[in-house]
PDB file of all heavy atoms in Angstrom:
ATOM      1  N   GLU A   1     144.675  40.825  93.517  1.00  0.00           N
ATOM      2  CA  GLU A   1     143.891  39.921  94.365  1.00  0.00           C
ATOM      3  C   GLU A   1     142.444  40.398  94.463  1.00  0.00           C
ATOM      4  O   GLU A   1     141.506  39.602  94.331  1.00  0.00           O
ATOM      5  CB  GLU A   1     144.511  39.828  95.756  1.00  0.00           C
ATOM      6  CG  GLU A   1     143.764  38.866  96.678  1.00  0.00           C
ATOM      7  CD  GLU A   1     144.419  38.736  98.046  1.00  0.00           C
ATOM      8  OE1 GLU A   1     145.504  39.314  98.240  1.00  0.00           O
ATOM      9  OE2 GLU A   1     143.844  38.057  98.916  1.00  0.00           O
ATOM     10  N   GLU A   2     142.256  41.694  94.671  1.00  0.00           N
ATOM     11  CA  GLU A   2     140.907  42.249  94.769  1.00  0.00           C
ATOM     12  C   GLU A   2     140.188  42.208  93.424  1.00  0.00           C
ATOM     13  O   GLU A   2     139.011  41.849  93.342  1.00  0.00           O
ATOM     14  CB  GLU A   2     140.991  43.685  95.273  1.00  0.00           C
ATOM     15  CG  GLU A   2     139.635  44.358  95.439  1.00  0.00           C
ATOM     16  CD  GLU A   2     139.783  45.795  95.938  1.00  0.00           C
ATOM     17  OE1 GLU A   2     140.919  46.231  96.166  1.00  0.00           O
ATOM     18  OE2 GLU A   2     138.759  46.472  96.090  1.00  0.00           O
ATOM     19  N   ALA A   3     140.915  42.567  92.351  1.00  0.00           N
ATOM     20  CA  ALA A   3     140.280  42.636  91.034  1.00  0.00           C
ATOM     21  C   ALA A   3     139.930  41.261  90.476  1.00  0.00           C
ATOM     22  O   ALA A   3     138.939  41.107  89.751  1.00  0.00           O
ATOM     23  CB  ALA A   3     141.203  43.370  90.056  1.00  0.00           C
ATOM     24  N   LEU A   4     140.766  40.247  90.796  1.00  0.00           N
ATOM     25  CA  LEU A   4     140.536  38.907  90.252  1.00  0.00           C
ATOM     26  C   LEU A   4     139.630  38.058  91.135  1.00  0.00           C
ATOM     27  O   LEU A   4     139.330  36.912  90.779  1.00  0.00           O
ATOM     28  CB  LEU A   4     141.875  38.182  90.064  1.00  0.00           C
ATOM     29  CG  LEU A   4     142.787  38.708  88.941  1.00  0.00           C
ATOM     30  CD1 LEU A   4     144.129  37.995  88.981  1.00  0.00           C
ATOM     31  CD2 LEU A   4     142.135  38.525  87.587  1.00  0.00           C
ATOM     32  N   ALA A   5     139.212  38.594  92.287  1.00  0.00           N
ATOM     33  CA  ALA A   5     138.414  37.799  93.227  1.00  0.00           C
ATOM     34  C   ALA A   5     137.142  37.229  92.590  1.00  0.00           C
ATOM     35  O   ALA A   5     136.832  36.043  92.771  1.00  0.00           O
ATOM     36  CB  ALA A   5     138.073  38.622  94.461  1.00  0.00           C
ATOM     37  N   PRO A   6     136.358  38.022  91.796  1.00  0.00           N
ATOM     38  CA  PRO A   6     135.151  37.437  91.192  1.00  0.00           C
ATOM     39  C   PRO A   6     135.455  36.287  90.243  1.00  0.00           C
ATOM     40  O   PRO A   6     134.744  35.271  90.238  1.00  0.00           O
ATOM     41  CB  PRO A   6     134.524  38.632  90.450  1.00  0.00           C
ATOM     42  CG  PRO A   6     135.047  39.836  91.130  1.00  0.00           C
ATOM     43  CD  PRO A   6     136.438  39.484  91.537  1.00  0.00           C
ATOM     44  N   VAL A   7     136.516  36.435  89.431  1.00  0.00           N
ATOM     45  CA  VAL A   7     136.864  35.365  88.484  1.00  0.00           C
ATOM     46  C   VAL A   7     137.328  34.121  89.228  1.00  0.00           C
ATOM     47  O   VAL A   7     136.960  32.999  88.870  1.00  0.00           O
ATOM     48  CB  VAL A   7     137.946  35.857  87.502  1.00  0.00           C
ATOM     49  CG1 VAL A   7     138.473  34.705  86.652  1.00  0.00           C
ATOM     50  CG2 VAL A   7     137.380  36.938  86.602  1.00  0.00           C
ATOM     51  N   LYS A   8     138.137  34.304  90.270  1.00  0.00           N
ATOM     52  CA  LYS A   8     138.616  33.145  91.027  1.00  0.00           C
ATOM     53  C   LYS A   8     137.459  32.428  91.719  1.00  0.00           C
ATOM     54  O   LYS A   8     137.447  31.197  91.809  1.00  0.00           O
ATOM     55  CB  LYS A   8     139.676  33.589  92.050  1.00  0.00           C
ATOM     56  CG  LYS A   8     140.989  34.034  91.401  1.00  0.00           C
ATOM     57  CD  LYS A   8     142.029  34.352  92.445  1.00  0.00           C
ATOM     58  CE  LYS A   8     143.344  34.767  91.796  1.00  0.00           C
ATOM     59  NZ  LYS A   8     143.936  33.646  91.012  1.00  0.00           N
ATOM     60  N   ALA A   9     136.496  33.215  92.217  1.00  0.00           N
ATOM     61  CA  ALA A   9     135.331  32.586  92.848  1.00  0.00           C
ATOM     62  C   ALA A   9     134.537  31.789  91.819  1.00  0.00           C
ATOM     63  O   ALA A   9     134.057  30.682  92.094  1.00  0.00           O
ATOM     64  CB  ALA A   9     134.454  33.655  93.498  1.00  0.00           C
ATOM     65  N   LEU A  10     134.368  32.359  90.613  1.00  0.00           N
ATOM     66  CA  LEU A  10     133.660  31.651  89.554  1.00  0.00           C
ATOM     67  C   LEU A  10     134.399  30.371  89.164  1.00  0.00           C
ATOM     68  O   LEU A  10     133.786  29.317  88.978  1.00  0.00           O
ATOM     69  CB  LEU A  10     133.513  32.574  88.334  1.00  0.00           C
ATOM     70  CG  LEU A  10     132.800  31.965  87.113  1.00  0.00           C
ATOM     71  CD1 LEU A  10     131.362  31.593  87.465  1.00  0.00           C
ATOM     72  CD2 LEU A  10     132.812  32.955  85.950  1.00  0.00           C
ATOM     73  N   ASN A  11     135.727  30.455  89.053  1.00  0.00           N
ATOM     74  CA  ASN A  11     136.510  29.264  88.721  1.00  0.00           C
ATOM     75  C   ASN A  11     136.403  28.208  89.817  1.00  0.00           C
ATOM     76  O   ASN A  11     136.377  27.005  89.532  1.00  0.00           O
ATOM     77  CB  ASN A  11     137.978  29.640  88.508  1.00  0.00           C
ATOM     78  CG  ASN A  11     138.198  30.371  87.197  1.00  0.00           C
ATOM     79  OD1 ASN A  11     137.324  30.347  86.331  1.00  0.00           O
ATOM     80  ND2 ASN A  11     139.340  31.023  87.040  1.00  0.00           N
ATOM     81  N   GLN A  12     136.337  28.668  91.067  1.00  0.00           N
ATOM     82  CA  GLN A  12     136.215  27.708  92.172  1.00  0.00           C
ATOM     83  C   GLN A  12     134.884  26.973  92.080  1.00  0.00           C
ATOM     84  O   GLN A  12     134.824  25.748  92.270  1.00  0.00           O
ATOM     85  CB  GLN A  12     136.317  28.460  93.518  1.00  0.00           C
ATOM     86  CG  GLN A  12     136.298  27.560  94.748  1.00  0.00           C
ATOM     87  CD  GLN A  12     137.523  26.669  94.832  1.00  0.00           C
ATOM     88  OE1 GLN A  12     138.580  27.035  94.343  1.00  0.00           O
ATOM     89  NE2 GLN A  12     137.381  25.494  95.426  1.00  0.00           N
ATOM     90  N   ARG A  13     133.814  27.710  91.748  1.00  0.00           N
ATOM     91  CA  ARG A  13     132.512  27.048  91.591  1.00  0.00           C
ATOM     92  C   ARG A  13     132.525  26.086  90.407  1.00  0.00           C
ATOM     93  O   ARG A  13     131.916  25.010  90.461  1.00  0.00           O
ATOM     94  CB  ARG A  13     131.418  28.112  91.417  1.00  0.00           C
ATOM     95  CG  ARG A  13     131.154  28.936  92.665  1.00  0.00           C
ATOM     96  CD  ARG A  13     129.856  29.724  92.544  1.00  0.00           C
ATOM     97  NE  ARG A  13     129.919  30.724  91.501  1.00  0.00           N
ATOM     98  CZ  ARG A  13     130.351  31.977  91.697  1.00  0.00           C
ATOM     99  NH1 ARG A  13     130.759  32.357  92.901  1.00  0.00           N
ATOM    100  NH2 ARG A  13     130.344  32.844  90.695  1.00  0.00           N
ATOM    101  N   SER A  14     133.223  26.471  89.334  1.00  0.00           N
ATOM    102  CA  SER A  14     133.325  25.573  88.173  1.00  0.00           C
ATOM    103  C   SER A  14     134.063  24.301  88.538  1.00  0.00           C
ATOM    104  O   SER A  14     133.693  23.202  88.090  1.00  0.00           O
ATOM    105  CB  SER A  14     134.046  26.291  87.018  1.00  0.00           C
ATOM    106  OG  SER A  14     133.332  27.432  86.608  1.00  0.00           O
ATOM    107  N   LEU A  15     135.107  24.423  89.358  1.00  0.00           N
ATOM    108  CA  LEU A  15     135.846  23.224  89.796  1.00  0.00           C
ATOM    109  C   LEU A  15     134.959  22.306  90.627  1.00  0.00           C
ATOM    110  O   LEU A  15     135.006  21.080  90.469  1.00  0.00           O
ATOM    111  CB  LEU A  15     137.079  23.645  90.605  1.00  0.00           C
ATOM    112  CG  LEU A  15     138.267  24.211  89.811  1.00  0.00           C
ATOM    113  CD1 LEU A  15     139.339  24.728  90.760  1.00  0.00           C
ATOM    114  CD2 LEU A  15     138.854  23.141  88.894  1.00  0.00           C
ATOM    115  N   LEU A  16     134.155  22.921  91.491  1.00  0.00           N
ATOM    116  CA  LEU A  16     133.269  22.098  92.318  1.00  0.00           C
ATOM    117  C   LEU A  16     132.233  21.376  91.463  1.00  0.00           C
ATOM    118  O   LEU A  16     131.941  20.185  91.686  1.00  0.00           O
ATOM    119  CB  LEU A  16     132.573  22.974  93.362  1.00  0.00           C
ATOM    120  CG  LEU A  16     133.487  23.563  94.448  1.00  0.00           C
ATOM    121  CD1 LEU A  16     132.710  24.496  95.364  1.00  0.00           C
ATOM    122  CD2 LEU A  16     134.122  22.430  95.272  1.00  0.00           C
ATOM    123  N   ARG A  17     131.689  22.095  90.448  1.00  0.00           N
ATOM    124  CA  ARG A  17     130.720  21.450  89.558  1.00  0.00           C
ATOM    125  C   ARG A  17     131.377  20.333  88.747  1.00  0.00           C
ATOM    126  O   ARG A  17     130.790  19.268  88.558  1.00  0.00           O
ATOM    127  CB  ARG A  17     130.092  22.497  88.626  1.00  0.00           C
ATOM    128  CG  ARG A  17     129.101  23.412  89.297  1.00  0.00           C
ATOM    129  CD  ARG A  17     128.225  24.132  88.279  1.00  0.00           C
ATOM    130  NE  ARG A  17     128.994  25.024  87.442  1.00  0.00           N
ATOM    131  CZ  ARG A  17     129.182  26.325  87.698  1.00  0.00           C
ATOM    132  NH1 ARG A  17     128.666  26.857  88.796  1.00  0.00           N
ATOM    133  NH2 ARG A  17     129.870  27.080  86.875  1.00  0.00           N
ATOM    134  N   ALA A  18     132.611  20.611  88.279  1.00  0.00           N
ATOM    135  CA  ALA A  18     133.314  19.582  87.509  1.00  0.00           C
ATOM    136  C   ALA A  18     133.612  18.367  88.375  1.00  0.00           C
ATOM    137  O   ALA A  18     133.534  17.219  87.917  1.00  0.00           O
ATOM    138  CB  ALA A  18     134.611  20.158  86.935  1.00  0.00           C
ATOM    139  N   LEU A  19     133.954  18.609  89.643  1.00  0.00           N
ATOM    140  CA  LEU A  19     134.219  17.503  90.552  1.00  0.00           C
ATOM    141  C   LEU A  19     132.960  16.680  90.777  1.00  0.00           C
ATOM    142  O   LEU A  19     133.002  15.434  90.808  1.00  0.00           O
ATOM    143  CB  LEU A  19     134.736  18.062  91.885  1.00  0.00           C
ATOM    144  CG  LEU A  19     135.122  17.024  92.951  1.00  0.00           C
ATOM    145  CD1 LEU A  19     136.246  16.130  92.443  1.00  0.00           C
ATOM    146  CD2 LEU A  19     135.553  17.721  94.239  1.00  0.00           C
ATOM    147  N   LEU A  20     131.815  17.383  90.887  1.00  0.00           N
ATOM    148  CA  LEU A  20     130.547  16.680  91.051  1.00  0.00           C
ATOM    149  C   LEU A  20     130.230  15.845  89.820  1.00  0.00           C
ATOM    150  O   LEU A  20     129.856  14.664  89.932  1.00  0.00           O
ATOM    151  CB  LEU A  20     129.432  17.695  91.312  1.00  0.00           C
ATOM    152  CG  LEU A  20     128.005  17.128  91.380  1.00  0.00           C
ATOM    153  CD1 LEU A  20     127.895  16.116  92.522  1.00  0.00           C
ATOM    154  CD2 LEU A  20     126.994  18.245  91.537  1.00  0.00           C
ATOM    155  N   LEU A  21     130.401  16.440  88.631  1.00  0.00           N
ATOM    156  CA  LEU A  21     130.129  15.707  87.396  1.00  0.00           C
ATOM    157  C   LEU A  21     131.078  14.521  87.238  1.00  0.00           C
ATOM    158  O   LEU A  21     130.674  13.439  86.797  1.00  0.00           O
ATOM    159  CB  LEU A  21     130.256  16.650  86.191  1.00  0.00           C
ATOM    160  CG  LEU A  21     129.150  17.694  86.040  1.00  0.00           C
ATOM    161  CD1 LEU A  21     129.496  18.669  84.930  1.00  0.00           C
ATOM    162  CD2 LEU A  21     127.806  17.023  85.763  1.00  0.00           C
ATOM    163  N   SER A  22     132.354  14.733  87.591  1.00  0.00           N
ATOM    164  CA  SER A  22     133.315  13.637  87.492  1.00  0.00           C
ATOM    165  C   SER A  22     132.944  12.500  88.432  1.00  0.00           C
ATOM    166  O   SER A  22     133.026  11.320  88.067  1.00  0.00           O
ATOM    167  CB  SER A  22     134.725  14.148  87.816  1.00  0.00           C
ATOM    168  OG  SER A  22     135.125  15.149  86.904  1.00  0.00           O
ATOM    169  N   SER A  23     132.528  12.884  89.639  1.00  0.00           N
ATOM    170  CA  SER A  23     132.121  11.856  90.596  1.00  0.00           C
ATOM    171  C   SER A  23     130.915  11.070  90.078  1.00  0.00           C
ATOM    172  O   SER A  23     130.865   9.833  90.177  1.00  0.00           O
ATOM    173  CB  SER A  23     131.795  12.502  91.939  1.00  0.00           C
ATOM    174  OG  SER A  23     132.918  13.183  92.447  1.00  0.00           O
ATOM    175  N   LEU A  24     129.952  11.802  89.499  1.00  0.00           N
ATOM    176  CA  LEU A  24     128.778  11.125  88.951  1.00  0.00           C
ATOM    177  C   LEU A  24     129.157  10.191  87.812  1.00  0.00           C
ATOM    178  O   LEU A  24     128.624   9.074  87.696  1.00  0.00           O
ATOM    179  CB  LEU A  24     127.773  12.162  88.461  1.00  0.00           C
ATOM    180  CG  LEU A  24     127.095  13.031  89.539  1.00  0.00           C
ATOM    181  CD1 LEU A  24     126.271  14.122  88.887  1.00  0.00           C
ATOM    182  CD2 LEU A  24     126.233  12.163  90.438  1.00  0.00           C
TER     183      LEU A  24
END
């Protein structure tokens, strides 16, 4: 959980960007 936290945070930001692009 501690070691993967940076990758999961990056993936979460990617999901938000993808959601924004999909909405657009």
